[in-house]
Amino acid sequence: MRNPDTTRALWQIHFCVLLWGFTAILGKLITLPALPLVWWRMLIVVAALALLPKVWRGLRAMPARSRWAYAGIGALVALHWLTFYGAIKLANASVAATCIAFATPMTALIEPLLTRQKFQPRDLLLGLASLPGIWLVVGGVPAGMHAGIVAGVASAALVALFGTLNKRMVDGGDPLTVTALELGAGTLMLTLLAPLMPLLVPAFSGPLLVLPSTTDTLWLVLLALACTLLPFALCLVALRHLSAFTAQLSVNLEPVYAIVLAAVLFNEQQELSPRFYLGVAIILGVVFAQGLLAGRRQPAHVEQVGVSESHHLAD
């Protein structure tokens, strides 16, 4: 008979995944362009974490070298969120969520390059197996959404990159402190990047210091607190009773939840062809196969829970 604590933890992790699925939905509901959307989200999360004395104690105890390293990772996190929400604006929530699923095979290819681990030929084969799914996804969306796919794939690559770098910093600090530091650095980076954004990616740009509308403010607070900090806290509790392997398989359902929610709330299935959904099925099949073949691994640094739409707990 399953341990009650394990059962409760499974429900908690699935609730977290559902909340993460809503990040794409809220990104669609918020009318702000990608840059101010991400800037406000990060600022709200950092402001909330700054109220915790534990965060400041952890920051003071962290070596300067680690602070700079996490700040650099935070810049990558900010670019990940920028491209993710940019993909939603350029395409839709379903496309953006599907592209994030590419992060798992990308991590398998990027991680050996950065960590000097032995490359696994099986990971290359799984990556090749996902190519038909990618082809179907691209062919299953209107041509006007292809720019969104490019942004989404870039977002997935950034997940793989900063996730791998975070793993190299394992045990470098308290997870809440690390999250506050990374998101704080990301907020600063976006502030500095804002004047250049109209020249670099006009579709993402927008004023930062203009207060959002009342409706957008409500959605932003929900995005920052209910879809970022709340699942972060729940995951910290749930991972005490779940293996990283079990948690990762559950988290892989995030694109499924996001796509179902987008279909129910926005009727996005009317914008996408059956080829798109067949491609999604192939890509998710590869993602789950990769998790099953990888077996039970040690969990990654848990602050990744708080900073990405794709949460590689067991990479």
Protein backbone atom coordinates (compact mmCIF):
# COMPACT_ATOMS: atom_id res chain seq x y z
CA MET A 1 0.00 0.00 0.00
CA ARG A 2 1.34 3.43 -0.96
CA ASN A 3 2.60 5.65 1.83
CA PRO A 4 0.07 8.47 2.54
CA ASP A 5 2.91 11.00 2.43
CA THR A 6 3.88 9.79 -1.04
CA THR A 7 0.28 9.99 -2.25
CA ARG A 8 -0.06 13.52 -0.91
CA ALA A 9 3.25 14.49 -2.52
CA LEU A 10 2.06 13.16 -5.90
CA TRP A 11 -1.07 15.29 -5.68
CA GLN A 12 1.07 18.28 -4.70
CA ILE A 13 3.45 17.86 -7.62
CA HIS A 14 0.57 17.48 -10.10
CA PHE A 15 -1.04 20.61 -8.69
CA CYS A 16 2.27 22.40 -9.21
CA VAL A 17 2.40 21.18 -12.81
CA LEU A 18 -1.15 22.43 -13.36
CA LEU A 19 -0.16 25.85 -12.00
CA TRP A 20 2.85 25.90 -14.32
CA GLY A 21 0.53 25.04 -17.19
CA PHE A 22 -1.38 28.21 -16.36
CA THR A 23 1.74 30.34 -16.93
CA ALA A 24 1.20 30.05 -20.68
CA ILE A 25 -2.50 30.86 -20.25
CA LEU A 26 -1.77 33.96 -18.18
CA GLY A 27 0.85 35.00 -20.70
CA LYS A 28 -1.92 34.95 -23.30
CA LEU A 29 -4.33 36.89 -21.08
CA ILE A 30 -1.87 39.63 -20.15
CA THR A 31 -1.95 42.28 -22.86
CA LEU A 32 1.56 43.59 -22.17
CA PRO A 33 4.34 42.83 -24.69
CA ALA A 34 6.82 40.15 -23.67
CA LEU A 35 9.47 42.48 -22.21
CA PRO A 36 7.33 44.40 -19.67
CA LEU A 37 5.39 41.21 -18.89
CA VAL A 38 8.55 39.35 -17.86
CA TRP A 39 10.01 42.42 -16.12
CA TRP A 40 6.95 42.89 -13.92
CA ARG A 41 6.70 39.17 -13.17
CA MET A 42 10.31 38.97 -12.05
CA LEU A 43 10.07 42.21 -10.08
CA ILE A 44 7.01 41.00 -8.16
CA VAL A 45 8.66 37.67 -7.30
CA VAL A 46 11.88 39.39 -6.18
CA ALA A 47 9.91 41.89 -4.08
CA ALA A 48 8.06 39.04 -2.37
CA LEU A 49 11.27 37.12 -1.67
CA ALA A 50 12.95 40.28 -0.37
CA LEU A 51 10.46 40.27 2.51
CA LEU A 52 11.97 37.02 3.84
CA PRO A 53 14.88 37.48 6.32
CA LYS A 54 16.12 34.01 5.33
CA VAL A 55 16.87 35.28 1.83
CA TRP A 56 19.03 38.13 3.11
CA ARG A 57 20.89 35.83 5.51
CA GLY A 58 21.59 33.43 2.67
CA LEU A 59 22.80 36.26 0.45
CA ARG A 60 25.24 37.51 3.09
CA ALA A 61 26.59 33.99 3.64
CA MET A 62 27.11 33.31 -0.09
CA PRO A 63 30.65 33.80 -1.48
CA ALA A 64 31.03 36.68 -3.95
CA ARG A 65 32.05 34.29 -6.72
CA SER A 66 28.83 32.31 -6.30
CA ARG A 67 26.76 35.50 -6.32
CA TRP A 68 28.25 36.54 -9.65
CA ALA A 69 27.75 33.05 -11.10
CA TYR A 70 24.09 32.96 -10.10
CA ALA A 71 23.61 36.49 -11.42
CA GLY A 72 24.91 35.35 -14.81
CA ILE A 73 22.52 32.40 -14.76
CA GLY A 74 19.74 34.82 -13.87
CA ALA A 75 20.40 36.74 -17.08
CA LEU A 76 19.82 33.50 -19.02
CA VAL A 77 16.62 32.91 -17.04
CA ALA A 78 15.36 36.35 -18.01
CA LEU A 79 16.07 35.65 -21.69
CA HIS A 80 14.29 32.29 -21.36
CA TRP A 81 11.15 33.92 -20.02
CA LEU A 82 11.41 36.72 -22.59
CA THR A 83 11.51 34.28 -25.49
CA PHE A 84 8.85 32.03 -23.94
CA TYR A 85 6.31 34.83 -23.60
CA GLY A 86 7.46 36.20 -26.92
CA ALA A 87 6.52 32.84 -28.45
CA ILE A 88 3.05 33.14 -26.91
CA LYS A 89 2.60 36.62 -28.37
CA LEU A 90 3.93 35.61 -31.80
CA ALA A 91 2.03 32.32 -31.95
CA ASN A 92 -0.14 31.03 -29.09
CA ALA A 93 0.05 29.25 -25.75
CA SER A 94 -0.08 25.75 -27.28
CA VAL A 95 2.87 26.41 -29.57
CA ALA A 96 4.97 27.95 -26.79
CA ALA A 97 4.27 25.08 -24.40
CA THR A 98 5.12 22.50 -27.07
CA CYS A 99 8.42 24.18 -27.88
CA ILE A 100 9.44 24.08 -24.22
CA ALA A 101 9.20 20.28 -24.39
CA PHE A 102 12.26 20.45 -26.68
CA ALA A 103 14.31 21.38 -23.62
CA THR A 104 14.66 17.76 -22.48
CA PRO A 105 16.41 16.42 -25.61
CA MET A 106 18.38 19.68 -25.86
CA THR A 107 19.64 19.22 -22.30
CA ALA A 108 20.85 15.73 -23.20
CA LEU A 109 22.98 17.25 -25.96
CA ILE A 110 24.16 20.40 -24.17
CA GLU A 111 24.94 18.94 -20.74
CA PRO A 112 27.88 16.70 -21.82
CA LEU A 113 29.48 19.70 -23.55
CA LEU A 114 29.34 21.86 -20.42
CA THR A 115 29.93 19.24 -17.73
CA ARG A 116 32.44 17.06 -19.61
CA GLN A 117 30.34 14.01 -18.94
CA LYS A 118 30.36 11.09 -21.34
CA PHE A 119 27.96 11.62 -24.21
CA GLN A 120 25.20 9.01 -24.40
CA PRO A 121 24.48 7.81 -27.99
CA ARG A 122 20.97 6.94 -26.84
CA ASP A 123 20.30 10.63 -26.24
CA LEU A 124 21.29 11.42 -29.83
CA LEU A 125 18.93 8.71 -31.08
CA LEU A 126 16.09 10.11 -28.98
CA GLY A 127 16.86 13.57 -30.29
CA LEU A 128 16.65 12.27 -33.85
CA ALA A 129 13.39 10.52 -32.98
CA SER A 130 11.88 13.88 -32.08
CA LEU A 131 12.63 15.37 -35.53
CA PRO A 132 9.45 13.99 -37.18
CA GLY A 133 7.46 15.55 -34.35
CA ILE A 134 9.17 18.90 -34.87
CA TRP A 135 8.47 18.70 -38.61
CA LEU A 136 4.79 17.97 -37.95
CA VAL A 137 4.49 20.79 -35.41
CA VAL A 138 6.00 23.32 -37.82
CA GLY A 139 3.80 22.11 -40.65
CA GLY A 140 0.72 22.07 -38.44
CA VAL A 141 0.65 25.78 -37.61
CA PRO A 142 -0.13 28.76 -39.86
CA ALA A 143 2.89 30.41 -41.51
CA GLY A 144 2.29 33.51 -39.41
CA MET A 145 3.13 31.53 -36.26
CA HIS A 146 6.54 30.28 -37.43
CA ALA A 147 8.28 33.21 -35.74
CA GLY A 148 6.70 32.01 -32.49
CA ILE A 149 8.20 28.56 -33.01
CA VAL A 150 11.65 30.11 -33.47
CA ALA A 151 11.22 32.06 -30.22
CA GLY A 152 9.93 28.95 -28.43
CA VAL A 153 12.87 26.80 -29.55
CA ALA A 154 15.26 29.53 -28.40
CA SER A 155 13.48 29.52 -25.05
CA ALA A 156 13.91 25.74 -24.77
CA ALA A 157 17.62 26.02 -25.58
CA LEU A 158 18.00 28.60 -22.81
CA VAL A 159 16.26 26.24 -20.37
CA ALA A 160 18.75 23.52 -21.26
CA LEU A 161 21.65 25.94 -20.86
CA PHE A 162 20.78 27.56 -17.54
CA GLY A 163 19.49 24.25 -16.13
CA THR A 164 22.84 22.64 -16.83
CA LEU A 165 24.73 25.60 -15.34
CA ASN A 166 22.52 25.52 -12.24
CA LYS A 167 23.42 21.87 -11.74
CA ARG A 168 27.10 22.79 -11.70
CA MET A 169 26.29 25.16 -8.83
CA VAL A 170 24.48 22.53 -6.76
CA ASP A 171 24.59 23.22 -3.02
CA GLY A 172 25.83 26.73 -3.73
CA GLY A 173 23.20 28.36 -1.53
CA ASP A 174 19.72 28.29 -0.08
CA PRO A 175 17.18 27.69 -2.90
CA LEU A 176 15.06 30.74 -2.03
CA THR A 177 18.15 32.94 -1.88
CA VAL A 178 19.40 31.62 -5.21
CA THR A 179 16.01 32.20 -6.81
CA ALA A 180 15.88 35.77 -5.50
CA LEU A 181 19.42 36.45 -6.72
CA GLU A 182 18.84 34.97 -10.17
CA LEU A 183 15.55 36.75 -10.73
CA GLY A 184 16.90 40.00 -9.30
CA ALA A 185 19.83 39.87 -11.72
CA GLY A 186 17.44 39.00 -14.52
CA THR A 187 15.27 42.00 -13.71
CA LEU A 188 18.32 44.29 -13.79
CA MET A 189 19.46 42.79 -17.10
CA LEU A 190 16.06 43.37 -18.70
CA THR A 191 16.09 46.96 -17.42
CA LEU A 192 19.41 47.57 -19.15
CA LEU A 193 18.27 45.73 -22.28
CA ALA A 194 14.98 47.65 -22.62
CA PRO A 195 16.35 50.65 -24.56
CA LEU A 196 17.88 48.30 -27.16
CA MET A 197 14.90 46.00 -27.52
CA PRO A 198 13.08 48.11 -30.17
CA LEU A 199 16.17 47.68 -32.37
CA LEU A 200 16.83 44.02 -31.52
CA VAL A 201 13.35 42.46 -31.35
CA PRO A 202 10.64 45.10 -31.79
CA ALA A 203 7.87 42.54 -31.27
CA PHE A 204 9.03 41.97 -27.67
CA SER A 205 9.61 45.59 -26.66
CA GLY A 206 7.42 47.81 -24.52
CA PRO A 207 7.74 50.46 -21.78
CA LEU A 208 8.75 49.14 -18.37
CA LEU A 209 7.80 52.01 -16.08
CA VAL A 210 4.22 52.41 -17.26
CA LEU A 211 1.86 50.84 -14.73
CA PRO A 212 -0.13 47.93 -16.19
CA SER A 213 -3.90 48.11 -16.34
CA THR A 214 -5.90 46.83 -13.38
CA THR A 215 -6.69 43.58 -15.18
CA ASP A 216 -3.08 43.02 -16.25
CA THR A 217 -1.91 43.77 -12.70
CA LEU A 218 -4.23 41.08 -11.36
CA TRP A 219 -2.96 38.53 -13.86
CA LEU A 220 0.66 39.50 -13.16
CA VAL A 221 0.23 39.01 -9.41
CA LEU A 222 -1.36 35.61 -10.04
CA LEU A 223 1.48 34.72 -12.41
CA ALA A 224 4.16 35.73 -9.92
CA LEU A 225 2.66 34.41 -6.71
CA ALA A 226 0.26 31.59 -7.65
CA CYS A 227 2.25 30.21 -10.60
CA THR A 228 5.81 30.84 -9.39
CA LEU A 229 6.21 31.08 -5.62
CA LEU A 230 3.34 28.80 -4.59
CA PRO A 231 4.45 25.82 -6.73
CA PHE A 232 8.02 26.49 -5.65
CA ALA A 233 7.04 26.08 -1.99
CA LEU A 234 4.87 23.03 -2.70
CA CYS A 235 7.67 21.36 -4.63
CA LEU A 236 10.08 21.83 -1.76
CA VAL A 237 7.62 19.86 0.39
CA ALA A 238 6.69 17.24 -2.22
CA LEU A 239 10.29 16.37 -3.14
CA ARG A 240 10.88 15.19 0.40
CA HIS A 241 8.64 12.21 -0.34
CA LEU A 242 9.20 11.62 -4.08
CA SER A 243 12.16 10.45 -6.07
CA ALA A 244 13.45 12.98 -8.59
CA PHE A 245 12.60 10.43 -11.29
CA THR A 246 8.92 10.32 -10.29
CA ALA A 247 8.75 14.09 -10.01
CA GLN A 248 10.33 14.57 -13.45
CA LEU A 249 7.83 12.25 -15.15
CA SER A 250 5.01 14.21 -13.54
CA VAL A 251 6.51 17.54 -14.57
CA ASN A 252 6.73 16.36 -18.18
CA LEU A 253 2.93 16.66 -18.25
CA GLU A 254 3.19 20.45 -18.11
CA PRO A 255 2.87 20.95 -21.90
CA VAL A 256 -0.15 18.62 -21.91
CA TYR A 257 -1.91 20.68 -19.24
CA ALA A 258 -1.05 23.93 -21.03
CA ILE A 259 -2.33 22.68 -24.40
CA VAL A 260 -5.56 21.33 -22.90
CA LEU A 261 -6.15 24.57 -21.00
CA ALA A 262 -5.48 26.61 -24.15
CA ALA A 263 -7.98 24.51 -26.10
CA VAL A 264 -10.66 24.83 -23.40
CA LEU A 265 -10.17 28.53 -22.67
CA PHE A 266 -9.11 29.94 -26.04
CA ASN A 267 -10.26 27.33 -28.59
CA GLU A 268 -6.71 27.24 -29.92
CA GLN A 269 -7.39 23.88 -31.55
CA GLN A 270 -9.22 25.86 -34.26
CA GLU A 271 -5.94 27.60 -35.16
CA LEU A 272 -3.92 24.39 -35.33
CA SER A 273 -4.19 21.35 -37.59
CA PRO A 274 -4.21 17.66 -36.57
CA ARG A 275 -0.59 17.51 -37.79
CA PHE A 276 0.38 19.83 -34.93
CA TYR A 277 -1.15 17.57 -32.29
CA LEU A 278 0.39 14.45 -33.86
CA GLY A 279 3.77 16.19 -33.67
CA VAL A 280 3.11 17.10 -30.03
CA ALA A 281 2.37 13.44 -29.27
CA ILE A 282 5.66 12.32 -30.84
CA ILE A 283 7.70 14.95 -29.00
CA LEU A 284 6.11 14.17 -25.64
CA GLY A 285 6.61 10.45 -26.31
CA VAL A 286 10.33 11.10 -26.78
CA VAL A 287 10.46 13.20 -23.60
CA PHE A 288 8.83 10.47 -21.51
CA ALA A 289 10.98 7.76 -23.11
CA GLN A 290 14.08 9.73 -22.26
CA GLY A 291 12.97 9.98 -18.64
CA LEU A 292 12.21 6.27 -18.43
CA LEU A 293 15.50 5.23 -20.02
CA ALA A 294 17.51 7.61 -17.86
CA GLY A 295 16.26 5.86 -14.74
CA ARG A 296 16.50 7.23 -11.26
CA ARG A 297 18.96 10.09 -10.96
CA GLN A 298 19.84 12.48 -8.23
CA PRO A 299 17.72 15.65 -8.15
CA ALA A 300 19.04 18.86 -9.57
CA HIS A 301 19.30 22.01 -7.52
CA VAL A 302 15.72 22.79 -6.58
CA GLU A 303 15.83 26.50 -7.38
CA GLN A 304 15.20 25.47 -10.99
CA VAL A 305 11.62 24.89 -9.85
CA GLY A 306 11.21 28.60 -9.29
CA VAL A 307 12.71 29.99 -12.45
CA SER A 308 11.58 28.07 -15.49
CA GLU A 309 8.50 26.95 -17.30
CA SER A 310 10.19 23.63 -17.87
CA HIS A 311 11.29 22.23 -14.53
CA HIS A 312 14.01 19.64 -14.88
CA LEU A 313 13.96 18.23 -11.36
CA ALA A 314 15.76 15.03 -12.28
CA ASP A 315 18.23 16.07 -14.97
